[in-house]
Amino acid sequence: MKHLESQSGFSLIMALMAIAVVGALSMTMMTIFRTFNAQSRHFNSMVGTRALLSTLQGIVAYPNLCIANLADSSKNFSPTQAATEDGVPISLYMGGGPTGLKAQAGSFLMSYDVSIEALTYRNAHSIGTDPAAPGNTLYSGELVLRLKKNGPNSEVAGGTSLRERSVGTMTVSVNPATNTITGCYALTDARQSCVEVGGVYDDTSYPKCKMPYPCAGIPNAVFLGYSSTGSPQCQTMAQVVGSICPAGQYIVSNGSGSVSCKTP
């Protein structure tokens, strides 16, 4: 009896406290695991986003590759819709032909750890005729990608949404009779650069890129450059002289590049 009375064990309160401590530790570990998992998924999605952008930029970089990978559903072109902020939906093959992966709205790209919410061509504007396809009109716009992370939503690391990304500026050649895209590319060459800034490109002339004179519509006007808003500054010779010499004086050149103001 004395031996049994001397034995002691955990009381009910101590057992409950131990269970509470174990439960709290378990909850803490689960929270840490969820946070780590969400951050890891976010990191994987960011890496996948960069890889996907590089893939798409490579596809649209050259004319032959771009038009070959543009799905037939994306070749119907609406200039009015493409000129808006919403733009027109684009679908691009990413290898494997029609049966392979597609970059388009709703694509679940497991290898990139992202899903595509939208791939659109927007804010497009006409930049002139296509010298490579007589009768076609060239449009320049932005190819934009909107993504989300794969997996369940989590408040950690920003949820499932990802920042909208620009694939880059893309030029499309459109047949105005059928409103279909017959060519596309994002390669910036001399011809494209010239046309996009309002010039006329001609391989047979020098210089090859000729810019229109911004003061052509103003008689006897001199082009003095562009203002801070991008507008051309045009003045007549009388206006130029009037801004140099005081009232009642006239300007005299010495023939060596210098001028002075004289009194009559």
C-alpha atoms as a PDB file:
ATOM      1  CA  MET A   1       0.000   0.000   0.000  1.00  0.00           C
ATOM      2  CA  LYS A   2       2.772   2.423   0.888  1.00  0.00           C
ATOM      3  CA  HIS A   3       4.490   1.601  -2.404  1.00  0.00           C
ATOM      4  CA  LEU A   4       1.334   2.349  -4.410  1.00  0.00           C
ATOM      5  CA  GLU A   5       0.622   5.580  -2.549  1.00  0.00           C
ATOM      6  CA  SER A   6       4.101   6.901  -3.303  1.00  0.00           C
ATOM      7  CA  GLN A   7       3.597   6.632  -7.079  1.00  0.00           C
ATOM      8  CA  SER A   8       2.569   9.842  -8.926  1.00  0.00           C
ATOM      9  CA  GLY A   9       1.487  10.653 -12.561  1.00  0.00           C
ATOM     10  CA  PHE A  10       0.124  13.410 -14.796  1.00  0.00           C
ATOM     11  CA  SER A  11      -2.973  15.112 -13.560  1.00  0.00           C
ATOM     12  CA  LEU A  12      -5.904  15.864 -15.887  1.00  0.00           C
ATOM     13  CA  ILE A  13      -4.964  19.553 -15.949  1.00  0.00           C
ATOM     14  CA  MET A  14      -1.382  18.769 -16.922  1.00  0.00           C
ATOM     15  CA  ALA A  15      -2.595  16.466 -19.706  1.00  0.00           C
ATOM     16  CA  LEU A  16      -4.934  19.149 -21.038  1.00  0.00           C
ATOM     17  CA  MET A  17      -2.125  21.700 -20.962  1.00  0.00           C
ATOM     18  CA  ALA A  18       0.140  19.337 -22.904  1.00  0.00           C
ATOM     19  CA  ILE A  19      -2.569  18.784 -25.513  1.00  0.00           C
ATOM     20  CA  ALA A  20      -3.059  22.564 -25.825  1.00  0.00           C
ATOM     21  CA  VAL A  21       0.688  23.151 -26.279  1.00  0.00           C
ATOM     22  CA  VAL A  22       0.909  20.410 -28.919  1.00  0.00           C
ATOM     23  CA  GLY A  23      -2.137  21.865 -30.687  1.00  0.00           C
ATOM     24  CA  ALA A  24      -0.673  25.377 -30.676  1.00  0.00           C
ATOM     25  CA  LEU A  25       2.628  24.088 -32.051  1.00  0.00           C
ATOM     26  CA  SER A  26       0.779  22.150 -34.729  1.00  0.00           C
ATOM     27  CA  MET A  27      -1.205  25.246 -35.776  1.00  0.00           C
ATOM     28  CA  THR A  28       2.007  27.287 -35.891  1.00  0.00           C
ATOM     29  CA  MET A  29       3.748  24.681 -38.008  1.00  0.00           C
ATOM     30  CA  MET A  30       0.764  24.473 -40.369  1.00  0.00           C
ATOM     31  CA  THR A  31       0.744  28.268 -40.762  1.00  0.00           C
ATOM     32  CA  ILE A  32       4.477  28.301 -41.457  1.00  0.00           C
ATOM     33  CA  PHE A  33       4.061  25.484 -43.968  1.00  0.00           C
ATOM     34  CA  ARG A  34       1.168  27.239 -45.754  1.00  0.00           C
ATOM     35  CA  THR A  35       3.157  30.488 -45.881  1.00  0.00           C
ATOM     36  CA  PHE A  36       6.229  28.721 -47.202  1.00  0.00           C
ATOM     37  CA  ASN A  37       4.155  26.821 -49.749  1.00  0.00           C
ATOM     38  CA  ALA A  38       2.429  30.001 -50.968  1.00  0.00           C
ATOM     39  CA  GLN A  39       5.700  31.894 -51.230  1.00  0.00           C
ATOM     40  CA  SER A  40       7.302  28.970 -53.045  1.00  0.00           C
ATOM     41  CA  ARG A  41       4.375  28.852 -55.489  1.00  0.00           C
ATOM     42  CA  HIS A  42       4.651  32.615 -55.982  1.00  0.00           C
ATOM     43  CA  PHE A  43       8.353  32.290 -56.759  1.00  0.00           C
ATOM     44  CA  ASN A  44       7.715  29.430 -59.196  1.00  0.00           C
ATOM     45  CA  SER A  45       4.989  31.483 -60.905  1.00  0.00           C
ATOM     46  CA  MET A  46       7.303  34.481 -61.270  1.00  0.00           C
ATOM     47  CA  VAL A  47       9.991  32.264 -62.833  1.00  0.00           C
ATOM     48  CA  GLY A  48       7.332  30.729 -65.094  1.00  0.00           C
ATOM     49  CA  THR A  49       6.099  34.189 -66.093  1.00  0.00           C
ATOM     50  CA  ARG A  50       9.557  35.252 -67.225  1.00  0.00           C
ATOM     51  CA  ALA A  51       9.993  32.006 -69.148  1.00  0.00           C
ATOM     52  CA  LEU A  52       6.583  32.376 -70.806  1.00  0.00           C
ATOM     53  CA  LEU A  53       7.318  35.971 -71.814  1.00  0.00           C
ATOM     54  CA  SER A  54      10.618  34.897 -73.362  1.00  0.00           C
ATOM     55  CA  THR A  55       8.849  32.118 -75.268  1.00  0.00           C
ATOM     56  CA  LEU A  56       6.171  34.447 -76.652  1.00  0.00           C
ATOM     57  CA  GLN A  57       8.703  37.142 -77.516  1.00  0.00           C
ATOM     58  CA  GLY A  58      10.673  34.555 -79.449  1.00  0.00           C
ATOM     59  CA  ILE A  59       7.554  33.419 -81.324  1.00  0.00           C
ATOM     60  CA  VAL A  60       6.528  36.905 -82.489  1.00  0.00           C
ATOM     61  CA  ALA A  61      10.065  38.129 -83.102  1.00  0.00           C
ATOM     62  CA  TYR A  62      10.224  37.202 -86.792  1.00  0.00           C
ATOM     63  CA  PRO A  63       7.568  37.405 -89.513  1.00  0.00           C
ATOM     64  CA  ASN A  64       7.656  33.776 -90.671  1.00  0.00           C
ATOM     65  CA  LEU A  65       7.560  32.369 -87.141  1.00  0.00           C
ATOM     66  CA  CYS A  66       4.879  34.795 -85.976  1.00  0.00           C
ATOM     67  CA  ILE A  67       2.363  34.136 -88.757  1.00  0.00           C
ATOM     68  CA  ALA A  68       3.036  30.386 -88.646  1.00  0.00           C
ATOM     69  CA  ASN A  69       2.111  30.243 -84.945  1.00  0.00           C
ATOM     70  CA  LEU A  70      -0.861  32.616 -85.105  1.00  0.00           C
ATOM     71  CA  ALA A  71      -3.981  30.492 -84.755  1.00  0.00           C
ATOM     72  CA  ASP A  72      -6.654  30.826 -87.458  1.00  0.00           C
ATOM     73  CA  SER A  73      -9.125  32.109 -84.859  1.00  0.00           C
ATOM     74  CA  SER A  74      -6.891  35.153 -84.308  1.00  0.00           C
ATOM     75  CA  LYS A  75      -6.458  36.067 -87.970  1.00  0.00           C
ATOM     76  CA  ASN A  76      -9.833  37.828 -88.163  1.00  0.00           C
ATOM     77  CA  PHE A  77      -8.995  41.437 -87.379  1.00  0.00           C
ATOM     78  CA  SER A  78     -11.230  44.281 -86.199  1.00  0.00           C
ATOM     79  CA  PRO A  79      -9.399  47.631 -86.423  1.00  0.00           C
ATOM     80  CA  THR A  80     -12.035  49.295 -84.240  1.00  0.00           C
ATOM     81  CA  GLN A  81     -11.763  46.713 -81.467  1.00  0.00           C
ATOM     82  CA  ALA A  82      -7.967  46.545 -81.713  1.00  0.00           C
ATOM     83  CA  ALA A  83      -7.782  50.309 -81.174  1.00  0.00           C
ATOM     84  CA  THR A  84      -9.426  50.015 -77.732  1.00  0.00           C
ATOM     85  CA  GLU A  85      -7.854  49.289 -74.344  1.00  0.00           C
ATOM     86  CA  ASP A  86      -9.567  45.859 -74.287  1.00  0.00           C
ATOM     87  CA  GLY A  87      -8.159  44.961 -77.689  1.00  0.00           C
ATOM     88  CA  VAL A  88      -8.719  41.745 -79.635  1.00  0.00           C
ATOM     89  CA  PRO A  89      -7.993  38.258 -78.230  1.00  0.00           C
ATOM     90  CA  ILE A  90      -4.919  36.513 -79.613  1.00  0.00           C
ATOM     91  CA  SER A  91      -4.134  32.795 -79.726  1.00  0.00           C
ATOM     92  CA  LEU A  92      -0.589  31.573 -80.432  1.00  0.00           C
ATOM     93  CA  TYR A  93       0.694  28.021 -80.821  1.00  0.00           C
ATOM     94  CA  MET A  94       3.644  27.310 -78.546  1.00  0.00           C
ATOM     95  CA  GLY A  95       5.040  24.250 -80.288  1.00  0.00           C
ATOM     96  CA  GLY A  96       3.530  20.972 -81.366  1.00  0.00           C
ATOM     97  CA  GLY A  97       1.198  22.544 -83.911  1.00  0.00           C
ATOM     98  CA  PRO A  98      -2.592  22.709 -83.435  1.00  0.00           C
ATOM     99  CA  THR A  99      -2.532  19.812 -80.973  1.00  0.00           C
ATOM    100  CA  GLY A 100       0.136  21.394 -78.751  1.00  0.00           C
ATOM    101  CA  LEU A 101       0.026  24.105 -76.126  1.00  0.00           C
ATOM    102  CA  LYS A 102      -1.714  27.374 -76.940  1.00  0.00           C
ATOM    103  CA  ALA A 103      -1.156  30.766 -75.411  1.00  0.00           C
ATOM    104  CA  GLN A 104      -4.689  32.123 -75.133  1.00  0.00           C
ATOM    105  CA  ALA A 105      -7.322  33.008 -72.561  1.00  0.00           C
ATOM    106  CA  GLY A 106      -8.083  29.999 -70.359  1.00  0.00           C
ATOM    107  CA  SER A 107      -4.820  28.123 -71.026  1.00  0.00           C
ATOM    108  CA  PHE A 108      -3.571  26.151 -68.011  1.00  0.00           C
ATOM    109  CA  LEU A 109       0.196  25.993 -68.431  1.00  0.00           C
ATOM    110  CA  MET A 110       1.420  23.506 -65.840  1.00  0.00           C
ATOM    111  CA  SER A 111       5.049  23.644 -66.996  1.00  0.00           C
ATOM    112  CA  TYR A 112       5.079  27.420 -66.402  1.00  0.00           C
ATOM    113  CA  ASP A 113       3.041  27.203 -63.173  1.00  0.00           C
ATOM    114  CA  VAL A 114       0.651  29.883 -64.460  1.00  0.00           C
ATOM    115  CA  SER A 115      -2.685  30.169 -66.242  1.00  0.00           C
ATOM    116  CA  ILE A 116      -3.501  32.763 -68.895  1.00  0.00           C
ATOM    117  CA  GLU A 117      -6.463  35.011 -68.141  1.00  0.00           C
ATOM    118  CA  ALA A 118      -6.055  37.035 -71.342  1.00  0.00           C
ATOM    119  CA  LEU A 119      -3.693  37.542 -74.274  1.00  0.00           C
ATOM    120  CA  THR A 120      -4.778  40.621 -76.208  1.00  0.00           C
ATOM    121  CA  TYR A 121      -3.567  42.913 -78.978  1.00  0.00           C
ATOM    122  CA  ARG A 122      -4.624  46.425 -78.042  1.00  0.00           C
ATOM    123  CA  ASN A 123      -4.213  50.165 -78.684  1.00  0.00           C
ATOM    124  CA  ALA A 124      -3.383  49.406 -82.313  1.00  0.00           C
ATOM    125  CA  HIS A 125      -3.207  52.203 -84.885  1.00  0.00           C
ATOM    126  CA  SER A 126      -2.521  52.328 -88.602  1.00  0.00           C
ATOM    127  CA  ILE A 127       1.059  53.163 -89.570  1.00  0.00           C
ATOM    128  CA  GLY A 128       0.609  53.104 -93.340  1.00  0.00           C
ATOM    129  CA  THR A 129       0.645  50.616 -96.172  1.00  0.00           C
ATOM    130  CA  ASP A 130       2.670  47.423 -96.171  1.00  0.00           C
ATOM    131  CA  PRO A 131       5.429  47.639 -98.813  1.00  0.00           C
ATOM    132  CA  ALA A 132       5.879  43.875 -98.608  1.00  0.00           C
ATOM    133  CA  ALA A 133       2.170  43.199 -99.322  1.00  0.00           C
ATOM    134  CA  PRO A 134       0.661  45.807-101.697  1.00  0.00           C
ATOM    135  CA  GLY A 135      -2.856  46.769-100.664  1.00  0.00           C
ATOM    136  CA  ASN A 136      -2.385  45.701 -97.027  1.00  0.00           C
ATOM    137  CA  THR A 137      -2.429  48.084 -94.082  1.00  0.00           C
ATOM    138  CA  LEU A 138       0.111  47.936 -91.272  1.00  0.00           C
ATOM    139  CA  TYR A 139      -1.055  48.311 -87.667  1.00  0.00           C
ATOM    140  CA  SER A 140       1.171  48.773 -84.636  1.00  0.00           C
ATOM    141  CA  GLY A 141      -0.100  47.843 -81.178  1.00  0.00           C
ATOM    142  CA  GLU A 142       0.845  46.175 -77.910  1.00  0.00           C
ATOM    143  CA  LEU A 143       0.600  42.462 -77.162  1.00  0.00           C
ATOM    144  CA  VAL A 144      -0.382  42.144 -73.500  1.00  0.00           C
ATOM    145  CA  LEU A 145      -0.456  39.085 -71.237  1.00  0.00           C
ATOM    146  CA  ARG A 146      -2.545  38.776 -68.051  1.00  0.00           C
ATOM    147  CA  LEU A 147      -1.763  35.774 -65.841  1.00  0.00           C
ATOM    148  CA  LYS A 148      -2.702  34.115 -62.574  1.00  0.00           C
ATOM    149  CA  LYS A 149      -0.951  31.532 -60.424  1.00  0.00           C
ATOM    150  CA  ASN A 150      -1.993  27.915 -60.543  1.00  0.00           C
ATOM    151  CA  GLY A 151      -3.370  26.370 -57.362  1.00  0.00           C
ATOM    152  CA  PRO A 152      -5.709  27.572 -54.598  1.00  0.00           C
ATOM    153  CA  ASN A 153      -6.084  31.214 -53.652  1.00  0.00           C
ATOM    154  CA  SER A 154      -3.897  32.490 -50.844  1.00  0.00           C
ATOM    155  CA  GLU A 155      -3.593  35.894 -49.245  1.00  0.00           C
ATOM    156  CA  VAL A 156       0.109  35.204 -48.815  1.00  0.00           C
ATOM    157  CA  ALA A 157       2.265  36.634 -51.615  1.00  0.00           C
ATOM    158  CA  GLY A 158      -0.602  38.508 -53.239  1.00  0.00           C
ATOM    159  CA  GLY A 159      -3.209  35.821 -53.886  1.00  0.00           C
ATOM    160  CA  THR A 160      -3.497  34.247 -57.335  1.00  0.00           C
ATOM    161  CA  SER A 161      -3.324  37.405 -59.455  1.00  0.00           C
ATOM    162  CA  LEU A 162      -0.117  38.406 -61.227  1.00  0.00           C
ATOM    163  CA  ARG A 163       0.884  41.760 -62.661  1.00  0.00           C
ATOM    164  CA  GLU A 164      -0.124  42.367 -66.265  1.00  0.00           C
ATOM    165  CA  ARG A 165       2.871  41.965 -68.561  1.00  0.00           C
ATOM    166  CA  SER A 166       3.621  43.424 -71.980  1.00  0.00           C
ATOM    167  CA  VAL A 167       4.999  40.939 -74.494  1.00  0.00           C
ATOM    168  CA  GLY A 168       6.013  43.906 -76.643  1.00  0.00           C
ATOM    169  CA  THR A 169       5.012  46.032 -79.608  1.00  0.00           C
ATOM    170  CA  MET A 170       3.661  43.942 -82.467  1.00  0.00           C
ATOM    171  CA  THR A 171       3.016  44.966 -86.069  1.00  0.00           C
ATOM    172  CA  VAL A 172       0.346  43.179 -88.115  1.00  0.00           C
ATOM    173  CA  SER A 173      -0.320  43.339 -91.836  1.00  0.00           C
ATOM    174  CA  VAL A 174      -4.052  43.328 -92.572  1.00  0.00           C
ATOM    175  CA  ASN A 175      -5.893  42.736 -95.830  1.00  0.00           C
ATOM    176  CA  PRO A 176      -8.580  45.471 -95.718  1.00  0.00           C
ATOM    177  CA  ALA A 177     -10.848  43.611 -98.143  1.00  0.00           C
ATOM    178  CA  THR A 178     -11.226  40.635 -95.802  1.00  0.00           C
ATOM    179  CA  ASN A 179      -9.990  42.155 -92.500  1.00  0.00           C
ATOM    180  CA  THR A 180      -7.634  39.230 -92.006  1.00  0.00           C
ATOM    181  CA  ILE A 181      -4.073  39.224 -90.699  1.00  0.00           C
ATOM    182  CA  THR A 182      -1.647  37.940 -93.326  1.00  0.00           C
ATOM    183  CA  GLY A 183       1.561  38.821 -91.509  1.00  0.00           C
ATOM    184  CA  CYS A 184       2.841  39.773 -88.063  1.00  0.00           C
ATOM    185  CA  TYR A 185       6.141  40.507 -86.384  1.00  0.00           C
ATOM    186  CA  ALA A 186       7.679  42.281 -83.423  1.00  0.00           C
ATOM    187  CA  LEU A 187      11.134  42.658 -84.947  1.00  0.00           C
ATOM    188  CA  THR A 188      12.204  46.305 -84.972  1.00  0.00           C
ATOM    189  CA  ASP A 189      14.058  46.936 -88.206  1.00  0.00           C
ATOM    190  CA  ALA A 190      14.898  50.072 -90.155  1.00  0.00           C
ATOM    191  CA  ARG A 191      11.670  49.978 -92.180  1.00  0.00           C
ATOM    192  CA  GLN A 192       9.434  49.563 -89.135  1.00  0.00           C
ATOM    193  CA  SER A 193      11.252  52.232 -87.147  1.00  0.00           C
ATOM    194  CA  CYS A 194      10.912  54.690 -90.030  1.00  0.00           C
ATOM    195  CA  VAL A 195       7.205  54.036 -90.607  1.00  0.00           C
ATOM    196  CA  GLU A 196       6.305  54.169 -86.906  1.00  0.00           C
ATOM    197  CA  VAL A 197       7.667  57.714 -86.574  1.00  0.00           C
ATOM    198  CA  GLY A 198       5.741  58.900 -89.620  1.00  0.00           C
ATOM    199  CA  GLY A 199       8.456  58.529 -92.258  1.00  0.00           C
ATOM    200  CA  VAL A 200       8.466  56.983 -95.713  1.00  0.00           C
ATOM    201  CA  TYR A 201      10.971  54.170 -96.260  1.00  0.00           C
ATOM    202  CA  ASP A 202      12.459  53.563 -99.710  1.00  0.00           C
ATOM    203  CA  ASP A 203      15.284  51.065-100.292  1.00  0.00           C
ATOM    204  CA  THR A 204      16.215  52.702-103.591  1.00  0.00           C
ATOM    205  CA  SER A 205      16.820  56.222-102.237  1.00  0.00           C
ATOM    206  CA  TYR A 206      19.207  57.899 -99.861  1.00  0.00           C
ATOM    207  CA  PRO A 207      18.459  58.587 -97.140  1.00  0.00           C
ATOM    208  CA  LYS A 208      16.224  55.537 -97.083  1.00  0.00           C
ATOM    209  CA  CYS A 209      13.929  57.033 -94.429  1.00  0.00           C
ATOM    210  CA  LYS A 210      12.441  60.365 -95.427  1.00  0.00           C
ATOM    211  CA  MET A 211      10.562  62.381 -92.845  1.00  0.00           C
ATOM    212  CA  PRO A 212       7.807  64.785 -93.906  1.00  0.00           C
ATOM    213  CA  TYR A 213       8.579  68.461 -93.353  1.00  0.00           C
ATOM    214  CA  PRO A 214       6.365  69.436 -90.388  1.00  0.00           C
ATOM    215  CA  CYS A 215       5.993  73.061 -91.554  1.00  0.00           C
ATOM    216  CA  ALA A 216       5.043  72.256 -95.145  1.00  0.00           C
ATOM    217  CA  GLY A 217       1.567  73.745 -94.755  1.00  0.00           C
ATOM    218  CA  ILE A 218       2.817  77.168 -93.591  1.00  0.00           C
ATOM    219  CA  PRO A 219       4.209  79.474 -96.347  1.00  0.00           C
ATOM    220  CA  ASN A 220       7.805  80.683 -95.778  1.00  0.00           C
ATOM    221  CA  ALA A 221       7.910  78.842 -92.444  1.00  0.00           C
ATOM    222  CA  VAL A 222      11.083  77.707 -90.713  1.00  0.00           C
ATOM    223  CA  PHE A 223      11.065  74.558 -88.557  1.00  0.00           C
ATOM    224  CA  LEU A 224      12.549  75.350 -85.136  1.00  0.00           C
ATOM    225  CA  GLY A 225      12.110  71.945 -83.507  1.00  0.00           C
ATOM    226  CA  TYR A 226       9.446  70.353 -81.333  1.00  0.00           C
ATOM    227  CA  SER A 227       7.839  71.709 -78.191  1.00  0.00           C
ATOM    228  CA  SER A 228       7.686  69.795 -74.913  1.00  0.00           C
ATOM    229  CA  THR A 229       4.298  68.422 -75.991  1.00  0.00           C
ATOM    230  CA  GLY A 230       5.694  67.080 -79.265  1.00  0.00           C
ATOM    231  CA  SER A 231       4.126  69.753 -81.500  1.00  0.00           C
ATOM    232  CA  PRO A 232       6.278  71.241 -84.295  1.00  0.00           C
ATOM    233  CA  GLN A 233       7.340  74.869 -83.821  1.00  0.00           C
ATOM    234  CA  CYS A 234       7.044  76.733 -87.118  1.00  0.00           C
ATOM    235  CA  GLN A 235       7.744  80.426 -87.632  1.00  0.00           C
ATOM    236  CA  THR A 236       8.093  82.699 -90.639  1.00  0.00           C
ATOM    237  CA  MET A 237      11.313  84.650 -91.177  1.00  0.00           C
ATOM    238  CA  ALA A 238       9.545  87.813 -90.038  1.00  0.00           C
ATOM    239  CA  GLN A 239       8.615  86.117 -86.779  1.00  0.00           C
ATOM    240  CA  VAL A 240      12.181  84.862 -86.308  1.00  0.00           C
ATOM    241  CA  VAL A 241      13.690  88.320 -86.920  1.00  0.00           C
ATOM    242  CA  GLY A 242      11.038  89.956 -84.762  1.00  0.00           C
ATOM    243  CA  SER A 243      12.026  87.748 -81.848  1.00  0.00           C
ATOM    244  CA  ILE A 244      15.755  88.500 -82.257  1.00  0.00           C
ATOM    245  CA  CYS A 245      15.924  92.258 -82.796  1.00  0.00           C
ATOM    246  CA  PRO A 246      14.255  94.981 -80.732  1.00  0.00           C
ATOM    247  CA  ALA A 247      11.389  96.950 -82.228  1.00  0.00           C
ATOM    248  CA  GLY A 248      12.469  99.337 -84.967  1.00  0.00           C
ATOM    249  CA  GLN A 249      15.701  97.511 -85.810  1.00  0.00           C
ATOM    250  CA  TYR A 250      16.620  95.054 -88.523  1.00  0.00           C
ATOM    251  CA  ILE A 251      18.942  92.066 -88.620  1.00  0.00           C
ATOM    252  CA  VAL A 252      22.203  92.086 -90.578  1.00  0.00           C
ATOM    253  CA  SER A 253      24.394  89.067 -91.375  1.00  0.00           C
ATOM    254  CA  ASN A 254      28.178  89.321 -91.638  1.00  0.00           C
ATOM    255  CA  GLY A 255      28.297  86.343 -93.994  1.00  0.00           C
ATOM    256  CA  SER A 256      30.229  84.157 -91.539  1.00  0.00           C
ATOM    257  CA  GLY A 257      27.346  82.871 -89.445  1.00  0.00           C
ATOM    258  CA  SER A 258      26.919  85.852 -87.132  1.00  0.00           C
ATOM    259  CA  VAL A 259      24.175  88.469 -87.140  1.00  0.00           C
ATOM    260  CA  SER A 260      23.605  91.836 -85.517  1.00  0.00           C
ATOM    261  CA  CYS A 261      20.699  94.214 -85.132  1.00  0.00           C
ATOM    262  CA  LYS A 262      20.930  97.636 -86.805  1.00  0.00           C
ATOM    263  CA  THR A 263      18.941 100.827 -86.536  1.00  0.00           C
ATOM    264  CA  PRO A 264      17.618 102.148 -89.847  1.00  0.00           C
END
